[in-house]
Amino acid sequence: MRINITANGEARSLDLDPRTTLLDALREHLKLTGSKKGCDHGQCGACTVLANGTRINACLSLAVMHDGDEVTTIEGLGSPETLHPMQQAFLTHDAFQCGYCTPGQICSAVAMLAEFEAGAPSPETPRGAAPTLSDAEIRERMSGNICRCSAYPQIVAAIRDAAEGRA
């Protein structure tokens, strides 16, 4: 099938087997290898990308489902010369060790802050209350992204600084 997506601001047309995951289309066909294949079951979050601004596990989504969509990967958030504030915060706080989960963590954090700003509740938000960006709230909202090296304290600090504009 032919699909058209905008990947990191660039319109792309791909001829794909309809069974191709979005992750494989990005990595194998578009050579955008920043998003990682961790578990290939949607459990670790290493493949997290933004589809029309919403975070998704690219390993669980078929590429044909995103025909016409705008997809942003870690490569599309910033550049080596001009880092995205979240990328800068992760560097500042040394919020990675092996780095394998980092692209997914950063993409997820960017979308998570947008969800928070839009007032989306989480299980950590008391019923009827406006959400506050506590460490517990950040951890809950980022719970779909696993860091096998356990850099969680630095990840939470990086997200907090990016949210507060200190990155």
N, C-alpha and C. Protein backbone atom coordinates (compact mmCIF):
# COMPACT_ATOMS: atom_id res chain seq x y z
N MET A 1 0.85 -1.19 0.00
CA MET A 1 0.00 0.00 0.00
C MET A 1 0.89 1.24 0.00
N ARG A 2 0.40 2.27 -0.64
CA ARG A 2 1.09 3.55 -0.62
C ARG A 2 0.49 4.40 0.50
N ILE A 3 1.37 4.94 1.35
CA ILE A 3 0.93 5.87 2.38
C ILE A 3 1.74 7.14 2.27
N ASN A 4 1.14 8.21 2.74
CA ASN A 4 1.80 9.51 2.78
C ASN A 4 1.80 9.98 4.23
N ILE A 5 2.98 10.25 4.74
CA ILE A 5 3.09 10.80 6.08
C ILE A 5 4.05 11.98 6.03
N THR A 6 3.92 12.82 7.01
CA THR A 6 4.89 13.89 7.20
C THR A 6 5.75 13.46 8.37
N ALA A 7 6.99 13.15 8.11
CA ALA A 7 7.91 12.69 9.15
C ALA A 7 8.89 13.82 9.46
N ASN A 8 8.80 14.31 10.68
CA ASN A 8 9.68 15.39 11.14
C ASN A 8 9.63 16.59 10.20
N GLY A 9 8.41 16.92 9.75
CA GLY A 9 8.21 18.09 8.91
C GLY A 9 8.43 17.86 7.42
N GLU A 10 8.82 16.67 7.02
CA GLU A 10 9.08 16.38 5.61
C GLU A 10 8.03 15.40 5.07
N ALA A 11 7.33 15.80 4.01
CA ALA A 11 6.34 14.93 3.40
C ALA A 11 7.05 13.74 2.76
N ARG A 12 6.55 12.55 3.08
CA ARG A 12 7.16 11.32 2.56
C ARG A 12 6.06 10.41 2.04
N SER A 13 6.36 9.68 0.99
CA SER A 13 5.45 8.70 0.42
C SER A 13 6.15 7.35 0.46
N LEU A 14 5.45 6.34 0.95
CA LEU A 14 6.04 5.01 1.13
C LEU A 14 5.14 3.94 0.55
N ASP A 15 5.74 2.95 -0.09
CA ASP A 15 5.04 1.75 -0.51
C ASP A 15 5.39 0.66 0.49
N LEU A 16 4.39 0.21 1.25
CA LEU A 16 4.64 -0.71 2.36
C LEU A 16 3.70 -1.90 2.33
N ASP A 17 4.17 -2.99 2.87
CA ASP A 17 3.31 -4.12 3.19
C ASP A 17 2.34 -3.60 4.26
N PRO A 18 1.06 -3.86 4.15
CA PRO A 18 0.10 -3.33 5.14
C PRO A 18 0.35 -3.81 6.57
N ARG A 19 1.19 -4.83 6.73
CA ARG A 19 1.50 -5.34 8.07
C ARG A 19 2.70 -4.63 8.71
N THR A 20 3.30 -3.68 8.02
CA THR A 20 4.48 -2.98 8.52
C THR A 20 4.10 -2.05 9.66
N THR A 21 4.80 -2.18 10.77
CA THR A 21 4.54 -1.28 11.89
C THR A 21 5.08 0.11 11.57
N LEU A 22 4.55 1.10 12.27
CA LEU A 22 5.07 2.45 12.10
C LEU A 22 6.54 2.50 12.49
N LEU A 23 6.92 1.78 13.53
CA LEU A 23 8.32 1.76 13.95
C LEU A 23 9.22 1.22 12.84
N ASP A 24 8.83 0.12 12.22
CA ASP A 24 9.64 -0.43 11.14
C ASP A 24 9.66 0.49 9.93
N ALA A 25 8.56 1.15 9.64
CA ALA A 25 8.54 2.11 8.52
C ALA A 25 9.52 3.25 8.80
N LEU A 26 9.51 3.76 10.03
CA LEU A 26 10.42 4.85 10.38
C LEU A 26 11.87 4.39 10.32
N ARG A 27 12.17 3.27 10.94
CA ARG A 27 13.55 2.80 11.04
C ARG A 27 14.09 2.21 9.73
N GLU A 28 13.31 1.33 9.11
CA GLU A 28 13.80 0.59 7.96
C GLU A 28 13.64 1.35 6.64
N HIS A 29 12.54 2.07 6.49
CA HIS A 29 12.25 2.72 5.21
C HIS A 29 12.69 4.19 5.18
N LEU A 30 12.55 4.88 6.31
CA LEU A 30 12.91 6.30 6.34
C LEU A 30 14.27 6.54 7.00
N LYS A 31 14.87 5.49 7.54
CA LYS A 31 16.19 5.57 8.18
C LYS A 31 16.21 6.54 9.36
N LEU A 32 15.09 6.67 10.04
CA LEU A 32 14.99 7.45 11.27
C LEU A 32 15.15 6.46 12.42
N THR A 33 16.38 6.21 12.81
CA THR A 33 16.69 5.14 13.75
C THR A 33 16.76 5.58 15.21
N GLY A 34 16.38 6.80 15.49
CA GLY A 34 16.39 7.26 16.87
C GLY A 34 15.39 6.51 17.74
N SER A 35 14.22 6.25 17.22
CA SER A 35 13.22 5.48 17.95
C SER A 35 13.68 4.03 17.99
N LYS A 36 13.67 3.45 19.16
CA LYS A 36 14.26 2.12 19.34
C LYS A 36 13.20 1.03 19.43
N LYS A 37 13.59 -0.15 19.00
CA LYS A 37 12.75 -1.34 19.16
C LYS A 37 13.24 -2.03 20.42
N GLY A 38 12.48 -1.89 21.49
CA GLY A 38 12.87 -2.49 22.76
C GLY A 38 12.24 -3.85 22.93
N CYS A 39 10.98 -3.85 23.30
CA CYS A 39 10.29 -5.11 23.58
C CYS A 39 9.45 -5.58 22.40
N ASP A 40 9.07 -4.68 21.51
CA ASP A 40 8.20 -4.97 20.37
C ASP A 40 6.82 -5.46 20.81
N HIS A 41 6.44 -5.11 22.04
CA HIS A 41 5.13 -5.50 22.58
C HIS A 41 4.43 -4.32 23.24
N GLY A 42 4.95 -3.12 23.11
CA GLY A 42 4.31 -1.94 23.71
C GLY A 42 4.46 -1.84 25.21
N GLN A 43 5.42 -2.52 25.78
CA GLN A 43 5.56 -2.53 27.23
C GLN A 43 6.66 -1.62 27.75
N CYS A 44 7.63 -1.25 26.89
CA CYS A 44 8.78 -0.51 27.41
C CYS A 44 8.79 0.97 27.04
N GLY A 45 8.16 1.36 25.94
CA GLY A 45 8.10 2.76 25.55
C GLY A 45 9.31 3.27 24.78
N ALA A 46 10.29 2.41 24.49
CA ALA A 46 11.49 2.87 23.76
C ALA A 46 11.14 3.37 22.36
N CYS A 47 10.02 2.94 21.82
CA CYS A 47 9.61 3.30 20.46
C CYS A 47 8.66 4.50 20.42
N THR A 48 8.46 5.18 21.53
CA THR A 48 7.49 6.27 21.59
C THR A 48 7.82 7.37 20.59
N VAL A 49 6.83 7.74 19.80
CA VAL A 49 6.91 8.86 18.86
C VAL A 49 5.63 9.68 19.03
N LEU A 50 5.58 10.82 18.38
CA LEU A 50 4.39 11.66 18.41
C LEU A 50 3.68 11.54 17.06
N ALA A 51 2.42 11.17 17.10
CA ALA A 51 1.59 11.12 15.90
C ALA A 51 0.52 12.18 16.06
N ASN A 52 0.61 13.21 15.23
CA ASN A 52 -0.28 14.36 15.35
C ASN A 52 -0.26 14.93 16.76
N GLY A 53 0.92 14.92 17.38
CA GLY A 53 1.11 15.49 18.71
C GLY A 53 0.80 14.56 19.86
N THR A 54 0.28 13.38 19.59
CA THR A 54 -0.07 12.42 20.63
C THR A 54 1.00 11.34 20.70
N ARG A 55 1.42 11.00 21.90
CA ARG A 55 2.44 9.96 22.04
C ARG A 55 1.83 8.59 21.81
N ILE A 56 2.56 7.79 21.04
CA ILE A 56 2.12 6.42 20.75
C ILE A 56 3.32 5.49 20.78
N ASN A 57 3.05 4.23 21.00
CA ASN A 57 4.07 3.20 20.85
C ASN A 57 4.08 2.79 19.39
N ALA A 58 5.12 3.17 18.67
CA ALA A 58 5.18 2.92 17.23
C ALA A 58 5.26 1.45 16.89
N CYS A 59 5.68 0.61 17.85
CA CYS A 59 5.76 -0.83 17.58
C CYS A 59 4.39 -1.48 17.56
N LEU A 60 3.39 -0.83 18.12
CA LEU A 60 2.03 -1.39 18.18
C LEU A 60 1.10 -0.82 17.11
N SER A 61 1.59 0.12 16.34
CA SER A 61 0.75 0.82 15.39
C SER A 61 1.18 0.50 13.97
N LEU A 62 0.24 0.13 13.14
CA LEU A 62 0.56 -0.14 11.74
C LEU A 62 0.77 1.18 11.01
N ALA A 63 1.75 1.20 10.13
CA ALA A 63 2.06 2.43 9.39
C ALA A 63 0.86 2.91 8.58
N VAL A 64 0.08 1.98 8.00
CA VAL A 64 -1.06 2.38 7.17
C VAL A 64 -2.12 3.13 7.97
N MET A 65 -2.12 2.97 9.27
CA MET A 65 -3.06 3.69 10.13
C MET A 65 -2.70 5.17 10.21
N HIS A 66 -1.52 5.53 9.76
CA HIS A 66 -1.03 6.91 9.89
C HIS A 66 -0.92 7.62 8.55
N ASP A 67 -1.61 7.10 7.54
CA ASP A 67 -1.64 7.76 6.25
C ASP A 67 -2.19 9.18 6.45
N GLY A 68 -1.43 10.17 6.02
CA GLY A 68 -1.83 11.56 6.17
C GLY A 68 -1.44 12.20 7.49
N ASP A 69 -0.86 11.43 8.38
CA ASP A 69 -0.51 11.96 9.71
C ASP A 69 0.85 12.66 9.70
N GLU A 70 1.03 13.46 10.74
CA GLU A 70 2.32 14.08 11.01
C GLU A 70 2.97 13.31 12.15
N VAL A 71 4.14 12.74 11.88
CA VAL A 71 4.85 11.94 12.87
C VAL A 71 6.15 12.65 13.24
N THR A 72 6.38 12.77 14.53
CA THR A 72 7.60 13.40 15.02
C THR A 72 8.38 12.38 15.83
N THR A 73 9.63 12.19 15.45
CA THR A 73 10.53 11.30 16.18
C THR A 73 11.53 12.17 16.93
N ILE A 74 12.41 11.54 17.67
CA ILE A 74 13.43 12.28 18.41
C ILE A 74 14.25 13.16 17.47
N GLU A 75 14.47 12.70 16.24
CA GLU A 75 15.25 13.47 15.28
C GLU A 75 14.55 14.76 14.89
N GLY A 76 13.22 14.81 15.03
CA GLY A 76 12.46 15.98 14.64
C GLY A 76 12.21 16.98 15.75
N LEU A 77 12.60 16.65 16.97
CA LEU A 77 12.37 17.58 18.08
C LEU A 77 13.37 18.72 18.12
N GLY A 78 14.58 18.45 17.81
CA GLY A 78 15.62 19.47 17.84
C GLY A 78 16.76 19.04 16.95
N SER A 79 17.81 19.82 16.97
CA SER A 79 18.99 19.48 16.18
C SER A 79 20.20 19.57 17.10
N PRO A 80 21.33 19.04 16.69
CA PRO A 80 22.52 19.15 17.54
C PRO A 80 22.88 20.62 17.85
N GLU A 81 22.56 21.50 16.92
CA GLU A 81 22.86 22.92 17.14
C GLU A 81 21.82 23.60 18.03
N THR A 82 20.57 23.18 17.91
CA THR A 82 19.47 23.79 18.68
C THR A 82 18.64 22.68 19.29
N LEU A 83 18.99 22.27 20.49
CA LEU A 83 18.27 21.19 21.16
C LEU A 83 16.88 21.66 21.59
N HIS A 84 15.94 20.73 21.58
CA HIS A 84 14.63 20.96 22.17
C HIS A 84 14.86 21.15 23.68
N PRO A 85 14.08 21.97 24.36
CA PRO A 85 14.27 22.16 25.81
C PRO A 85 14.28 20.85 26.60
N MET A 86 13.49 19.87 26.18
CA MET A 86 13.48 18.59 26.90
C MET A 86 14.80 17.85 26.67
N GLN A 87 15.32 17.90 25.45
CA GLN A 87 16.61 17.27 25.18
C GLN A 87 17.69 17.93 26.03
N GLN A 88 17.67 19.25 26.12
CA GLN A 88 18.66 19.97 26.92
C GLN A 88 18.53 19.60 28.40
N ALA A 89 17.30 19.48 28.88
CA ALA A 89 17.09 19.12 30.28
C ALA A 89 17.63 17.72 30.57
N PHE A 90 17.43 16.78 29.66
CA PHE A 90 17.97 15.44 29.85
C PHE A 90 19.49 15.47 29.90
N LEU A 91 20.12 16.28 29.07
CA LEU A 91 21.58 16.41 29.12
C LEU A 91 22.02 17.07 30.42
N THR A 92 21.37 18.15 30.79
CA THR A 92 21.73 18.88 32.00
C THR A 92 21.66 17.99 33.24
N HIS A 93 20.64 17.15 33.30
CA HIS A 93 20.42 16.30 34.49
C HIS A 93 21.03 14.91 34.35
N ASP A 94 21.75 14.67 33.26
CA ASP A 94 22.34 13.36 33.04
C ASP A 94 21.27 12.28 33.21
N ALA A 95 20.13 12.52 32.54
CA ALA A 95 18.94 11.67 32.71
C ALA A 95 18.96 10.45 31.79
N PHE A 96 20.10 9.84 31.68
CA PHE A 96 20.24 8.64 30.88
C PHE A 96 21.51 7.95 31.33
N GLN A 97 21.57 6.67 31.10
CA GLN A 97 22.82 5.94 31.32
C GLN A 97 23.20 5.25 30.02
N CYS A 98 22.54 4.15 29.69
CA CYS A 98 22.87 3.50 28.42
C CYS A 98 22.30 4.30 27.25
N GLY A 99 21.20 5.03 27.45
CA GLY A 99 20.62 5.87 26.42
C GLY A 99 19.62 5.20 25.52
N TYR A 100 19.43 3.91 25.67
CA TYR A 100 18.53 3.19 24.75
C TYR A 100 17.09 3.70 24.86
N CYS A 101 16.62 3.97 26.05
CA CYS A 101 15.24 4.41 26.24
C CYS A 101 15.07 5.91 26.05
N THR A 102 16.17 6.65 25.98
CA THR A 102 16.12 8.11 26.02
C THR A 102 15.26 8.72 24.91
N PRO A 103 15.36 8.32 23.65
CA PRO A 103 14.49 8.93 22.64
C PRO A 103 13.00 8.79 22.98
N GLY A 104 12.60 7.60 23.40
CA GLY A 104 11.21 7.38 23.78
C GLY A 104 10.83 8.17 25.02
N GLN A 105 11.74 8.23 25.98
CA GLN A 105 11.48 9.00 27.21
C GLN A 105 11.24 10.48 26.86
N ILE A 106 12.10 11.02 26.00
CA ILE A 106 12.00 12.44 25.66
C ILE A 106 10.72 12.72 24.87
N CYS A 107 10.43 11.90 23.86
CA CYS A 107 9.18 12.11 23.10
C CYS A 107 7.97 11.99 24.02
N SER A 108 7.97 11.02 24.89
CA SER A 108 6.87 10.84 25.82
C SER A 108 6.74 12.03 26.76
N ALA A 109 7.86 12.52 27.26
CA ALA A 109 7.84 13.66 28.18
C ALA A 109 7.29 14.91 27.52
N VAL A 110 7.67 15.15 26.27
CA VAL A 110 7.15 16.32 25.54
C VAL A 110 5.63 16.24 25.43
N ALA A 111 5.12 15.08 25.03
CA ALA A 111 3.67 14.91 24.89
C ALA A 111 2.98 14.92 26.25
N MET A 112 3.63 14.34 27.26
CA MET A 112 3.04 14.30 28.59
C MET A 112 2.83 15.70 29.13
N LEU A 113 3.80 16.59 28.92
CA LEU A 113 3.64 17.97 29.39
C LEU A 113 2.52 18.68 28.65
N ALA A 114 2.36 18.39 27.37
CA ALA A 114 1.25 18.98 26.61
C ALA A 114 -0.09 18.47 27.15
N GLU A 115 -0.16 17.16 27.47
CA GLU A 115 -1.37 16.59 28.06
C GLU A 115 -1.67 17.26 29.40
N PHE A 116 -0.64 17.42 30.21
CA PHE A 116 -0.80 18.05 31.51
C PHE A 116 -1.30 19.49 31.36
N GLU A 117 -0.67 20.24 30.45
CA GLU A 117 -1.07 21.64 30.22
C GLU A 117 -2.52 21.73 29.74
N ALA A 118 -2.97 20.73 29.00
CA ALA A 118 -4.35 20.70 28.51
C ALA A 118 -5.33 20.29 29.61
N GLY A 119 -4.83 19.93 30.80
CA GLY A 119 -5.69 19.58 31.92
C GLY A 119 -6.11 18.13 31.98
N ALA A 120 -5.45 17.28 31.20
CA ALA A 120 -5.80 15.85 31.22
C ALA A 120 -5.49 15.27 32.60
N PRO A 121 -6.45 14.61 33.22
CA PRO A 121 -6.20 14.02 34.54
C PRO A 121 -5.40 12.73 34.43
N SER A 122 -4.87 12.31 35.55
CA SER A 122 -4.20 11.01 35.64
C SER A 122 -4.68 10.34 36.91
N PRO A 123 -4.37 9.07 37.11
CA PRO A 123 -4.77 8.40 38.36
C PRO A 123 -4.20 9.10 39.61
N GLU A 124 -3.13 9.87 39.42
CA GLU A 124 -2.51 10.57 40.55
C GLU A 124 -3.28 11.84 40.92
N THR A 125 -4.13 12.33 40.00
CA THR A 125 -4.90 13.56 40.24
C THR A 125 -6.12 13.23 41.09
N PRO A 126 -6.26 13.89 42.26
CA PRO A 126 -7.47 13.65 43.07
C PRO A 126 -8.73 14.00 42.28
N ARG A 127 -9.77 13.24 42.49
CA ARG A 127 -11.03 13.45 41.78
C ARG A 127 -11.53 14.88 41.98
N GLY A 128 -11.81 15.54 40.85
CA GLY A 128 -12.34 16.90 40.89
C GLY A 128 -11.29 17.98 41.04
N ALA A 129 -10.04 17.61 41.25
CA ALA A 129 -8.98 18.59 41.44
C ALA A 129 -8.23 18.85 40.14
N ALA A 130 -7.66 20.02 40.06
CA ALA A 130 -6.79 20.31 38.91
C ALA A 130 -5.46 19.60 39.15
N PRO A 131 -4.89 19.01 38.11
CA PRO A 131 -3.61 18.31 38.30
C PRO A 131 -2.48 19.28 38.65
N THR A 132 -1.60 18.82 39.51
CA THR A 132 -0.39 19.59 39.82
C THR A 132 0.79 18.73 39.42
N LEU A 133 1.85 19.36 38.97
CA LEU A 133 2.99 18.61 38.44
C LEU A 133 3.96 18.22 39.56
N SER A 134 3.50 17.33 40.41
CA SER A 134 4.35 16.81 41.47
C SER A 134 5.25 15.71 40.89
N ASP A 135 6.24 15.31 41.65
CA ASP A 135 7.09 14.20 41.21
C ASP A 135 6.26 12.94 41.01
N ALA A 136 5.30 12.70 41.90
CA ALA A 136 4.43 11.53 41.77
C ALA A 136 3.60 11.62 40.50
N GLU A 137 3.14 12.81 40.17
CA GLU A 137 2.36 13.01 38.93
C GLU A 137 3.22 12.73 37.70
N ILE A 138 4.45 13.22 37.69
CA ILE A 138 5.36 12.96 36.57
C ILE A 138 5.62 11.47 36.44
N ARG A 139 5.91 10.81 37.56
CA ARG A 139 6.18 9.36 37.52
C ARG A 139 4.97 8.59 36.98
N GLU A 140 3.78 8.95 37.42
CA GLU A 140 2.57 8.26 36.95
C GLU A 140 2.38 8.47 35.46
N ARG A 141 2.52 9.69 35.01
CA ARG A 141 2.30 10.01 33.60
C ARG A 141 3.38 9.42 32.69
N MET A 142 4.55 9.14 33.23
CA MET A 142 5.64 8.56 32.44
C MET A 142 5.76 7.05 32.66
N SER A 143 4.79 6.45 33.33
CA SER A 143 4.92 5.04 33.72
C SER A 143 4.96 4.07 32.54
N GLY A 144 4.61 4.50 31.34
CA GLY A 144 4.69 3.63 30.18
C GLY A 144 6.07 3.57 29.55
N ASN A 145 7.01 4.32 30.12
CA ASN A 145 8.38 4.33 29.61
C ASN A 145 9.31 3.76 30.67
N ILE A 146 9.95 2.65 30.33
CA ILE A 146 10.81 1.94 31.24
C ILE A 146 12.27 2.33 30.99
N CYS A 147 13.01 2.54 32.08
CA CYS A 147 14.46 2.76 32.00
C CYS A 147 15.11 1.61 32.75
N ARG A 148 15.74 0.73 32.01
CA ARG A 148 16.35 -0.44 32.65
C ARG A 148 17.56 -0.06 33.50
N CYS A 149 18.12 1.11 33.27
CA CYS A 149 19.28 1.56 34.07
C CYS A 149 18.85 2.30 35.33
N SER A 150 17.55 2.55 35.48
CA SER A 150 16.98 3.20 36.66
C SER A 150 17.43 4.65 36.84
N ALA A 151 17.42 5.41 35.78
CA ALA A 151 17.77 6.84 35.86
C ALA A 151 16.54 7.68 36.19
N TYR A 152 15.55 7.10 36.84
CA TYR A 152 14.29 7.78 37.09
C TYR A 152 14.41 9.10 37.86
N PRO A 153 15.21 9.20 38.91
CA PRO A 153 15.30 10.50 39.60
C PRO A 153 15.78 11.62 38.68
N GLN A 154 16.75 11.32 37.82
CA GLN A 154 17.25 12.32 36.89
C GLN A 154 16.21 12.63 35.81
N ILE A 155 15.47 11.63 35.37
CA ILE A 155 14.43 11.84 34.36
C ILE A 155 13.35 12.75 34.92
N VAL A 156 12.90 12.50 36.14
CA VAL A 156 11.88 13.35 36.77
C VAL A 156 12.40 14.78 36.93
N ALA A 157 13.64 14.93 37.36
CA ALA A 157 14.21 16.27 37.51
C ALA A 157 14.32 16.99 36.17
N ALA A 158 14.67 16.27 35.13
CA ALA A 158 14.77 16.87 33.80
C ALA A 158 13.41 17.34 33.31
N ILE A 159 12.39 16.52 33.49
CA ILE A 159 11.05 16.89 33.06
C ILE A 159 10.57 18.10 33.85
N ARG A 160 10.83 18.10 35.15
CA ARG A 160 10.42 19.24 35.98
C ARG A 160 11.08 20.53 35.48
N ASP A 161 12.38 20.49 35.22
CA ASP A 161 13.07 21.69 34.75
C ASP A 161 12.57 22.14 33.39
N ALA A 162 12.32 21.20 32.49
CA ALA A 162 11.78 21.57 31.18
C ALA A 162 10.41 22.20 31.33
N ALA A 163 9.58 21.63 32.20
CA ALA A 163 8.24 22.15 32.43
C ALA A 163 8.28 23.57 33.02
N GLU A 164 9.27 23.81 33.85
CA GLU A 164 9.38 25.12 34.50
C GLU A 164 10.23 26.10 33.71
N GLY A 165 10.63 25.69 32.51
CA GLY A 165 11.39 26.59 31.63
C GLY A 165 12.82 26.82 32.04
N ARG A 166 13.38 25.91 32.82
CA ARG A 166 14.76 26.09 33.27
C ARG A 166 15.75 25.34 32.42
N ALA A 167 15.27 24.63 31.42
CA ALA A 167 16.18 23.84 30.58
C ALA A 167 16.85 24.70 29.53
